[in-house]
C-alpha atoms as a PDB file:
ATOM      1  CA  MET A   1      32.676 -70.972 -61.904  1.00  0.00           C
ATOM      2  CA  SER A   2      29.250 -71.024 -63.541  1.00  0.00           C
ATOM      3  CA  ILE A   3      27.695 -67.844 -64.890  1.00  0.00           C
ATOM      4  CA  LYS A   4      25.102 -67.946 -62.119  1.00  0.00           C
ATOM      5  CA  GLN A   5      27.863 -68.192 -59.503  1.00  0.00           C
ATOM      6  CA  ARG A   6      29.453 -65.030 -60.865  1.00  0.00           C
ATOM      7  CA  PHE A   7      26.567 -63.073 -59.330  1.00  0.00           C
ATOM      8  CA  ASP A   8      27.373 -64.494 -55.883  1.00  0.00           C
ATOM      9  CA  LEU A   9      28.645 -61.835 -53.460  1.00  0.00           C
ATOM     10  CA  THR A  10      29.317 -64.120 -50.505  1.00  0.00           C
ATOM     11  CA  GLY A  11      32.195 -62.751 -48.418  1.00  0.00           C
ATOM     12  CA  LYS A  12      31.961 -59.279 -49.966  1.00  0.00           C
ATOM     13  CA  VAL A  13      31.278 -56.134 -47.952  1.00  0.00           C
ATOM     14  CA  ALA A  14      29.147 -53.360 -49.453  1.00  0.00           C
ATOM     15  CA  ILE A  15      28.390 -49.810 -48.325  1.00  0.00           C
ATOM     16  CA  VAL A  16      25.260 -48.186 -49.729  1.00  0.00           C
ATOM     17  CA  THR A  17      24.638 -44.529 -48.934  1.00  0.00           C
ATOM     18  CA  GLY A  18      21.102 -43.226 -48.715  1.00  0.00           C
ATOM     19  CA  SER A  19      19.862 -46.766 -48.146  1.00  0.00           C
ATOM     20  CA  SER A  20      17.184 -46.381 -45.484  1.00  0.00           C
ATOM     21  CA  LYS A  21      14.523 -46.066 -48.193  1.00  0.00           C
ATOM     22  CA  GLY A  22      13.880 -45.839 -51.927  1.00  0.00           C
ATOM     23  CA  ILE A  23      16.404 -46.963 -54.520  1.00  0.00           C
ATOM     24  CA  GLY A  24      19.180 -47.270 -51.957  1.00  0.00           C
ATOM     25  CA  LYS A  25      17.211 -49.672 -49.788  1.00  0.00           C
ATOM     26  CA  SER A  26      16.323 -51.849 -52.785  1.00  0.00           C
ATOM     27  CA  ILE A  27      19.971 -51.930 -53.863  1.00  0.00           C
ATOM     28  CA  ALA A  28      21.123 -52.808 -50.351  1.00  0.00           C
ATOM     29  CA  GLN A  29      18.593 -55.628 -50.112  1.00  0.00           C
ATOM     30  CA  GLY A  30      19.645 -57.002 -53.474  1.00  0.00           C
ATOM     31  CA  LEU A  31      23.304 -57.013 -52.484  1.00  0.00           C
ATOM     32  CA  ALA A  32      22.487 -58.729 -49.193  1.00  0.00           C
ATOM     33  CA  GLU A  33      20.295 -61.323 -50.918  1.00  0.00           C
ATOM     34  CA  HIS A  34      23.268 -62.134 -53.152  1.00  0.00           C
ATOM     35  CA  GLY A  35      25.399 -62.818 -50.080  1.00  0.00           C
ATOM     36  CA  ALA A  36      27.085 -59.508 -49.301  1.00  0.00           C
ATOM     37  CA  LYS A  37      27.475 -58.054 -45.835  1.00  0.00           C
ATOM     38  CA  VAL A  38      25.792 -54.695 -46.247  1.00  0.00           C
ATOM     39  CA  VAL A  39      26.286 -51.410 -44.430  1.00  0.00           C
ATOM     40  CA  ILE A  40      23.036 -49.444 -44.427  1.00  0.00           C
ATOM     41  CA  SER A  41      23.731 -45.728 -44.244  1.00  0.00           C
ATOM     42  CA  SER A  42      21.709 -42.520 -44.168  1.00  0.00           C
ATOM     43  CA  ARG A  43      21.516 -39.485 -41.918  1.00  0.00           C
ATOM     44  CA  LYS A  44      19.548 -40.931 -38.977  1.00  0.00           C
ATOM     45  CA  GLN A  45      20.752 -43.854 -36.870  1.00  0.00           C
ATOM     46  CA  ASN A  46      17.249 -45.013 -35.968  1.00  0.00           C
ATOM     47  CA  ALA A  47      16.343 -45.260 -39.654  1.00  0.00           C
ATOM     48  CA  VAL A  48      19.406 -47.318 -40.655  1.00  0.00           C
ATOM     49  CA  ALA A  49      19.100 -49.497 -37.559  1.00  0.00           C
ATOM     50  CA  ALA A  50      15.485 -50.284 -38.460  1.00  0.00           C
ATOM     51  CA  VAL A  51      16.430 -51.371 -41.984  1.00  0.00           C
ATOM     52  CA  ALA A  52      19.342 -53.475 -40.709  1.00  0.00           C
ATOM     53  CA  LYS A  53      16.976 -55.134 -38.230  1.00  0.00           C
ATOM     54  CA  ASP A  54      14.469 -55.907 -40.991  1.00  0.00           C
ATOM     55  CA  PHE A  55      17.224 -57.404 -43.143  1.00  0.00           C
ATOM     56  CA  LYS A  56      18.483 -59.571 -40.290  1.00  0.00           C
ATOM     57  CA  GLU A  57      14.960 -60.883 -39.753  1.00  0.00           C
ATOM     58  CA  MET A  58      15.035 -61.908 -43.428  1.00  0.00           C
ATOM     59  CA  GLY A  59      18.235 -63.851 -42.787  1.00  0.00           C
ATOM     60  CA  LEU A  60      20.486 -61.235 -44.351  1.00  0.00           C
ATOM     61  CA  GLU A  61      23.707 -59.732 -42.960  1.00  0.00           C
ATOM     62  CA  ALA A  62      23.565 -55.972 -42.384  1.00  0.00           C
ATOM     63  CA  ILE A  63      24.512 -53.215 -39.970  1.00  0.00           C
ATOM     64  CA  GLY A  64      23.404 -49.600 -39.821  1.00  0.00           C
ATOM     65  CA  ILE A  65      25.877 -46.715 -39.604  1.00  0.00           C
ATOM     66  CA  ALA A  66      24.474 -43.193 -39.683  1.00  0.00           C
ATOM     67  CA  CYS A  67      26.294 -40.758 -41.958  1.00  0.00           C
ATOM     68  CA  HIS A  68      25.457 -37.313 -43.228  1.00  0.00           C
ATOM     69  CA  ILE A  69      27.604 -37.447 -46.347  1.00  0.00           C
ATOM     70  CA  GLY A  70      27.885 -33.663 -46.416  1.00  0.00           C
ATOM     71  CA  ASP A  71      30.049 -33.926 -43.279  1.00  0.00           C
ATOM     72  CA  THR A  72      33.630 -35.056 -43.915  1.00  0.00           C
ATOM     73  CA  SER A  73      34.154 -36.438 -40.413  1.00  0.00           C
ATOM     74  CA  GLN A  74      31.007 -38.560 -40.697  1.00  0.00           C
ATOM     75  CA  CYS A  75      32.190 -39.935 -44.048  1.00  0.00           C
ATOM     76  CA  GLU A  76      35.501 -40.871 -42.454  1.00  0.00           C
ATOM     77  CA  ASN A  77      33.623 -42.539 -39.595  1.00  0.00           C
ATOM     78  CA  LEU A  78      31.473 -44.543 -42.016  1.00  0.00           C
ATOM     79  CA  ILE A  79      34.566 -46.025 -43.640  1.00  0.00           C
ATOM     80  CA  SER A  80      36.454 -46.610 -40.385  1.00  0.00           C
ATOM     81  CA  GLN A  81      33.452 -48.234 -38.673  1.00  0.00           C
ATOM     82  CA  THR A  82      32.911 -50.514 -41.669  1.00  0.00           C
ATOM     83  CA  MET A  83      36.540 -51.584 -41.533  1.00  0.00           C
ATOM     84  CA  ALA A  84      36.359 -52.102 -37.764  1.00  0.00           C
ATOM     85  CA  THR A  85      33.297 -54.320 -38.154  1.00  0.00           C
ATOM     86  CA  TYR A  86      34.033 -56.273 -41.322  1.00  0.00           C
ATOM     87  CA  GLY A  87      37.714 -55.658 -42.074  1.00  0.00           C
ATOM     88  CA  ARG A  88      37.234 -54.937 -45.762  1.00  0.00           C
ATOM     89  CA  ILE A  89      35.289 -52.915 -48.330  1.00  0.00           C
ATOM     90  CA  ASP A  90      34.541 -54.450 -51.722  1.00  0.00           C
ATOM     91  CA  ILE A  91      31.582 -52.470 -53.009  1.00  0.00           C
ATOM     92  CA  LEU A  92      30.652 -48.810 -52.607  1.00  0.00           C
ATOM     93  CA  VAL A  93      27.333 -47.538 -53.924  1.00  0.00           C
ATOM     94  CA  ASN A  94      27.201 -43.742 -53.880  1.00  0.00           C
ATOM     95  CA  ASN A  95      23.440 -43.368 -53.929  1.00  0.00           C
ATOM     96  CA  ALA A  96      22.621 -40.547 -51.489  1.00  0.00           C
ATOM     97  CA  ALA A  97      21.778 -37.237 -53.134  1.00  0.00           C
ATOM     98  CA  ILE A  98      19.648 -34.147 -52.664  1.00  0.00           C
ATOM     99  CA  ASN A  99      17.675 -31.811 -54.884  1.00  0.00           C
ATOM    100  CA  PRO A 100      16.715 -28.842 -52.719  1.00  0.00           C
ATOM    101  CA  TYR A 101      15.873 -26.551 -55.623  1.00  0.00           C
ATOM    102  CA  TYR A 102      13.445 -26.855 -58.520  1.00  0.00           C
ATOM    103  CA  GLY A 103      13.545 -23.898 -60.863  1.00  0.00           C
ATOM    104  CA  PRO A 104      15.603 -21.953 -63.420  1.00  0.00           C
ATOM    105  CA  LEU A 105      19.368 -21.685 -63.063  1.00  0.00           C
ATOM    106  CA  GLU A 106      19.268 -17.951 -62.380  1.00  0.00           C
ATOM    107  CA  GLY A 107      16.682 -18.354 -59.642  1.00  0.00           C
ATOM    108  CA  SER A 108      18.955 -20.132 -57.172  1.00  0.00           C
ATOM    109  CA  ASP A 109      21.524 -18.656 -54.812  1.00  0.00           C
ATOM    110  CA  GLU A 110      25.070 -19.543 -53.813  1.00  0.00           C
ATOM    111  CA  ALA A 111      24.076 -21.300 -50.613  1.00  0.00           C
ATOM    112  CA  VAL A 112      21.848 -23.778 -52.470  1.00  0.00           C
ATOM    113  CA  PHE A 113      24.501 -24.255 -55.165  1.00  0.00           C
ATOM    114  CA  ASP A 114      27.143 -25.045 -52.544  1.00  0.00           C
ATOM    115  CA  LYS A 115      24.815 -27.424 -50.679  1.00  0.00           C
ATOM    116  CA  ILE A 116      23.845 -29.517 -53.707  1.00  0.00           C
ATOM    117  CA  MET A 117      27.421 -29.650 -54.989  1.00  0.00           C
ATOM    118  CA  ASN A 118      28.694 -30.663 -51.567  1.00  0.00           C
ATOM    119  CA  VAL A 119      26.307 -33.602 -51.211  1.00  0.00           C
ATOM    120  CA  ASN A 120      25.950 -34.761 -54.825  1.00  0.00           C
ATOM    121  CA  VAL A 121      29.534 -34.335 -56.031  1.00  0.00           C
ATOM    122  CA  LYS A 122      32.033 -33.703 -53.246  1.00  0.00           C
ATOM    123  CA  ALA A 123      30.709 -36.447 -50.946  1.00  0.00           C
ATOM    124  CA  PRO A 124      30.874 -39.278 -53.543  1.00  0.00           C
ATOM    125  CA  TRP A 125      34.364 -38.097 -54.486  1.00  0.00           C
ATOM    126  CA  LEU A 126      35.451 -38.147 -50.837  1.00  0.00           C
ATOM    127  CA  LEU A 127      33.831 -41.491 -49.965  1.00  0.00           C
ATOM    128  CA  SER A 128      35.281 -43.099 -53.083  1.00  0.00           C
ATOM    129  CA  ASN A 129      38.759 -41.842 -52.188  1.00  0.00           C
ATOM    130  CA  LEU A 130      38.408 -43.178 -48.651  1.00  0.00           C
ATOM    131  CA  ALA A 131      37.148 -46.558 -49.863  1.00  0.00           C
ATOM    132  CA  GLN A 132      39.788 -46.766 -52.586  1.00  0.00           C
ATOM    133  CA  ALA A 133      42.517 -46.953 -49.966  1.00  0.00           C
ATOM    134  CA  HIS A 134      40.987 -50.221 -48.730  1.00  0.00           C
ATOM    135  CA  MET A 135      40.158 -51.611 -52.186  1.00  0.00           C
ATOM    136  CA  LYS A 136      43.618 -51.202 -53.697  1.00  0.00           C
ATOM    137  CA  GLU A 137      44.935 -54.569 -52.520  1.00  0.00           C
ATOM    138  CA  LYS A 138      42.106 -56.821 -53.711  1.00  0.00           C
ATOM    139  CA  GLY A 139      40.089 -54.665 -56.107  1.00  0.00           C
ATOM    140  CA  GLY A 140      36.530 -53.523 -55.791  1.00  0.00           C
ATOM    141  CA  SER A 141      33.495 -52.011 -57.454  1.00  0.00           C
ATOM    142  CA  ILE A 142      32.249 -48.431 -57.140  1.00  0.00           C
ATOM    143  CA  ILE A 143      28.771 -47.711 -58.442  1.00  0.00           C
ATOM    144  CA  ASN A 144      27.700 -44.091 -58.654  1.00  0.00           C
ATOM    145  CA  ILE A 145      23.969 -43.492 -58.928  1.00  0.00           C
ATOM    146  CA  ALA A 146      23.670 -40.590 -61.359  1.00  0.00           C
ATOM    147  CA  SER A 147      20.561 -39.740 -63.400  1.00  0.00           C
ATOM    148  CA  VAL A 148      19.314 -39.382 -66.949  1.00  0.00           C
ATOM    149  CA  GLU A 149      19.255 -35.684 -66.040  1.00  0.00           C
ATOM    150  CA  GLY A 150      23.047 -35.818 -66.080  1.00  0.00           C
ATOM    151  CA  ILE A 151      22.918 -36.787 -69.749  1.00  0.00           C
ATOM    152  CA  HIS A 152      19.854 -35.001 -71.092  1.00  0.00           C
ATOM    153  CA  PRO A 153      18.977 -31.609 -69.580  1.00  0.00           C
ATOM    154  CA  GLY A 154      15.433 -31.024 -68.421  1.00  0.00           C
ATOM    155  CA  PHE A 155      13.668 -27.804 -67.492  1.00  0.00           C
ATOM    156  CA  ARG A 156      13.926 -26.571 -63.884  1.00  0.00           C
ATOM    157  CA  LEU A 157      16.399 -29.286 -62.850  1.00  0.00           C
ATOM    158  CA  GLY A 158      19.543 -27.517 -64.013  1.00  0.00           C
ATOM    159  CA  LEU A 159      21.537 -27.551 -60.762  1.00  0.00           C
ATOM    160  CA  TYR A 160      20.687 -31.206 -60.125  1.00  0.00           C
ATOM    161  CA  SER A 161      21.610 -32.066 -63.731  1.00  0.00           C
ATOM    162  CA  MET A 162      24.967 -30.349 -63.344  1.00  0.00           C
ATOM    163  CA  THR A 163      25.825 -32.443 -60.295  1.00  0.00           C
ATOM    164  CA  LYS A 164      24.873 -35.680 -62.003  1.00  0.00           C
ATOM    165  CA  ALA A 165      26.892 -34.795 -65.097  1.00  0.00           C
ATOM    166  CA  ALA A 166      29.870 -34.181 -62.818  1.00  0.00           C
ATOM    167  CA  LEU A 167      29.275 -37.540 -61.115  1.00  0.00           C
ATOM    168  CA  ILE A 168      29.322 -39.287 -64.491  1.00  0.00           C
ATOM    169  CA  MET A 169      32.669 -37.725 -65.405  1.00  0.00           C
ATOM    170  CA  MET A 170      34.052 -38.575 -61.963  1.00  0.00           C
ATOM    171  CA  THR A 171      33.048 -42.192 -62.610  1.00  0.00           C
ATOM    172  CA  LYS A 172      34.960 -42.266 -65.883  1.00  0.00           C
ATOM    173  CA  ASN A 173      38.061 -40.784 -64.275  1.00  0.00           C
ATOM    174  CA  GLN A 174      37.888 -43.261 -61.394  1.00  0.00           C
ATOM    175  CA  ALA A 175      37.718 -46.100 -63.901  1.00  0.00           C
ATOM    176  CA  LYS A 176      40.653 -44.741 -65.876  1.00  0.00           C
ATOM    177  CA  GLU A 177      42.900 -44.037 -62.885  1.00  0.00           C
ATOM    178  CA  TRP A 178      42.022 -46.954 -60.615  1.00  0.00           C
ATOM    179  CA  GLY A 179      41.658 -49.790 -63.091  1.00  0.00           C
ATOM    180  CA  ARG A 180      45.265 -50.781 -62.426  1.00  0.00           C
ATOM    181  CA  TYR A 181      44.227 -51.635 -58.872  1.00  0.00           C
ATOM    182  CA  GLY A 182      41.408 -53.874 -60.044  1.00  0.00           C
ATOM    183  CA  ILE A 183      38.866 -51.248 -59.042  1.00  0.00           C
ATOM    184  CA  ARG A 184      35.937 -50.823 -61.406  1.00  0.00           C
ATOM    185  CA  SER A 185      33.712 -47.741 -61.432  1.00  0.00           C
ATOM    186  CA  ASN A 186      30.395 -47.414 -63.256  1.00  0.00           C
ATOM    187  CA  ALA A 187      27.458 -45.028 -63.264  1.00  0.00           C
ATOM    188  CA  VAL A 188      23.785 -45.942 -63.227  1.00  0.00           C
ATOM    189  CA  CYS A 189      21.350 -43.360 -64.589  1.00  0.00           C
ATOM    190  CA  PRO A 190      17.783 -43.949 -63.445  1.00  0.00           C
ATOM    191  CA  GLY A 191      14.810 -42.290 -65.076  1.00  0.00           C
ATOM    192  CA  LEU A 192      11.703 -41.327 -63.121  1.00  0.00           C
ATOM    193  CA  ILE A 193      11.393 -43.655 -60.132  1.00  0.00           C
ATOM    194  CA  LYS A 194       8.485 -43.706 -57.685  1.00  0.00           C
ATOM    195  CA  THR A 195      10.366 -42.766 -54.521  1.00  0.00           C
ATOM    196  CA  LYS A 196       9.978 -40.150 -51.797  1.00  0.00           C
ATOM    197  CA  PHE A 197      12.906 -38.278 -53.377  1.00  0.00           C
ATOM    198  CA  SER A 198      11.017 -37.688 -56.634  1.00  0.00           C
ATOM    199  CA  GLU A 199       7.521 -37.312 -55.160  1.00  0.00           C
ATOM    200  CA  SER A 200       7.259 -33.698 -56.277  1.00  0.00           C
ATOM    201  CA  LEU A 201       7.449 -34.982 -59.852  1.00  0.00           C
ATOM    202  CA  TRP A 202       5.350 -38.155 -59.836  1.00  0.00           C
ATOM    203  CA  SER A 203       2.651 -36.616 -57.640  1.00  0.00           C
ATOM    204  CA  ASN A 204       1.946 -34.204 -60.500  1.00  0.00           C
ATOM    205  CA  GLU A 205      -0.652 -36.100 -62.545  1.00  0.00           C
ATOM    206  CA  LYS A 206      -0.213 -33.927 -65.632  1.00  0.00           C
ATOM    207  CA  LEU A 207       3.557 -34.390 -65.585  1.00  0.00           C
ATOM    208  CA  VAL A 208       3.256 -38.158 -65.124  1.00  0.00           C
ATOM    209  CA  ALA A 209       0.731 -38.444 -67.959  1.00  0.00           C
ATOM    210  CA  GLY A 210       3.116 -36.612 -70.266  1.00  0.00           C
ATOM    211  CA  TYR A 211       6.061 -38.734 -69.138  1.00  0.00           C
ATOM    212  CA  ASN A 212       4.151 -41.981 -69.639  1.00  0.00           C
ATOM    213  CA  GLN A 213       3.111 -40.905 -73.099  1.00  0.00           C
ATOM    214  CA  MET A 214       6.694 -40.031 -74.013  1.00  0.00           C
ATOM    215  CA  VAL A 215       8.706 -43.028 -72.785  1.00  0.00           C
ATOM    216  CA  PRO A 216       8.521 -46.313 -74.738  1.00  0.00           C
ATOM    217  CA  LEU A 217       7.609 -48.402 -71.663  1.00  0.00           C
ATOM    218  CA  GLN A 218       4.815 -45.905 -70.871  1.00  0.00           C
ATOM    219  CA  ARG A 219       5.320 -45.884 -67.101  1.00  0.00           C
ATOM    220  CA  MET A 220       7.640 -44.779 -64.325  1.00  0.00           C
ATOM    221  CA  ALA A 221       9.760 -47.341 -62.474  1.00  0.00           C
ATOM    222  CA  GLU A 222       9.625 -48.878 -59.021  1.00  0.00           C
ATOM    223  CA  PRO A 223      12.786 -48.746 -56.842  1.00  0.00           C
ATOM    224  CA  ASP A 224      13.416 -52.501 -57.125  1.00  0.00           C
ATOM    225  CA  GLU A 225      13.863 -52.128 -60.882  1.00  0.00           C
ATOM    226  CA  MET A 226      17.194 -50.377 -60.336  1.00  0.00           C
ATOM    227  CA  ALA A 227      18.687 -53.144 -58.198  1.00  0.00           C
ATOM    228  CA  GLY A 228      19.360 -55.734 -60.896  1.00  0.00           C
ATOM    229  CA  LEU A 229      21.751 -53.505 -62.837  1.00  0.00           C
ATOM    230  CA  VAL A 230      23.693 -52.772 -59.654  1.00  0.00           C
ATOM    231  CA  MET A 231      23.971 -56.526 -58.914  1.00  0.00           C
ATOM    232  CA  LEU A 232      25.612 -56.986 -62.305  1.00  0.00           C
ATOM    233  CA  LEU A 233      28.054 -54.103 -61.816  1.00  0.00           C
ATOM    234  CA  ALA A 234      28.908 -55.136 -58.245  1.00  0.00           C
ATOM    235  CA  SER A 235      29.603 -58.789 -58.993  1.00  0.00           C
ATOM    236  CA  ASP A 236      32.056 -60.838 -61.043  1.00  0.00           C
ATOM    237  CA  ALA A 237      29.324 -61.113 -63.662  1.00  0.00           C
ATOM    238  CA  GLY A 238      30.320 -57.553 -64.589  1.00  0.00           C
ATOM    239  CA  SER A 239      34.049 -58.075 -64.128  1.00  0.00           C
ATOM    240  CA  TYR A 240      34.975 -56.461 -67.473  1.00  0.00           C
ATOM    241  CA  MET A 241      32.642 -53.483 -67.076  1.00  0.00           C
ATOM    242  CA  THR A 242      34.226 -50.205 -66.004  1.00  0.00           C
ATOM    243  CA  GLY A 243      33.807 -46.574 -66.960  1.00  0.00           C
ATOM    244  CA  GLY A 244      30.321 -47.331 -68.234  1.00  0.00           C
ATOM    245  CA  VAL A 245      27.235 -45.150 -67.989  1.00  0.00           C
ATOM    246  CA  TYR A 246      24.101 -47.274 -67.931  1.00  0.00           C
ATOM    247  CA  ALA A 247      20.577 -45.901 -68.194  1.00  0.00           C
ATOM    248  CA  ALA A 248      17.597 -47.623 -66.599  1.00  0.00           C
ATOM    249  CA  ASP A 249      15.009 -45.168 -67.783  1.00  0.00           C
ATOM    250  CA  GLY A 250      12.203 -46.930 -69.634  1.00  0.00           C
ATOM    251  CA  GLY A 251      13.604 -45.496 -72.878  1.00  0.00           C
ATOM    252  CA  TYR A 252      13.530 -41.851 -71.783  1.00  0.00           C
ATOM    253  CA  LEU A 253      16.830 -41.032 -73.480  1.00  0.00           C
ATOM    254  CA  ILE A 254      15.668 -42.350 -76.871  1.00  0.00           C
ATOM    255  CA  SER A 255      12.349 -40.506 -76.718  1.00  0.00           C
ATOM    256  CA  GLY A 256      11.599 -37.183 -78.265  1.00  0.00           C
END
């Protein structure tokens, strides 16, 4: 097998949560372009169906399965419907996340804490466990989309940072416990990406100017710039990579 062929995902089945837009959509498209059969998933069926339709018109293989990852029964349905359609799961990208609160730690309440923990930590743990049962025979790759905020704390993003730090440690434990099954688990930590999710940050001109001045590449990223790293981690090109935490942040973590 050539090195180029090691990036080929033909015959593989990938689930990408939160993939109707933003980073998730770019990741899903990249996986499909490399030959994978991709399950597009987010909360609304019309949104995932539209993306799957667009992909099919591009000659890619995709289906849309709605899933609110904060609902256990919907997570179970996502896995069971994928198995019913494709008969296997090789790649799971836990991308969906929320950040309903921007402010100091003491300014939040228990309801918000429970909500962000449920979606950003519990759901990836649950989906990974469900997928693991189907990966154990032939191996697989789990890619958890964390954040530089899970490594380096920033002001007013404390709750979000806590969830991403937990996701990073979950990744390491998955790698340690499931490596014997041929299952690899890695975390990707994006910096500031121009998506709807982070609009409250990049729409602030003063904040963006400060960010651009601080990071070595002097700009924020586009969603497509996260996809390449995921292609490596999902494919045989990254077959010896597990338990890793990889930043794609324009140099944010080395600034300061």
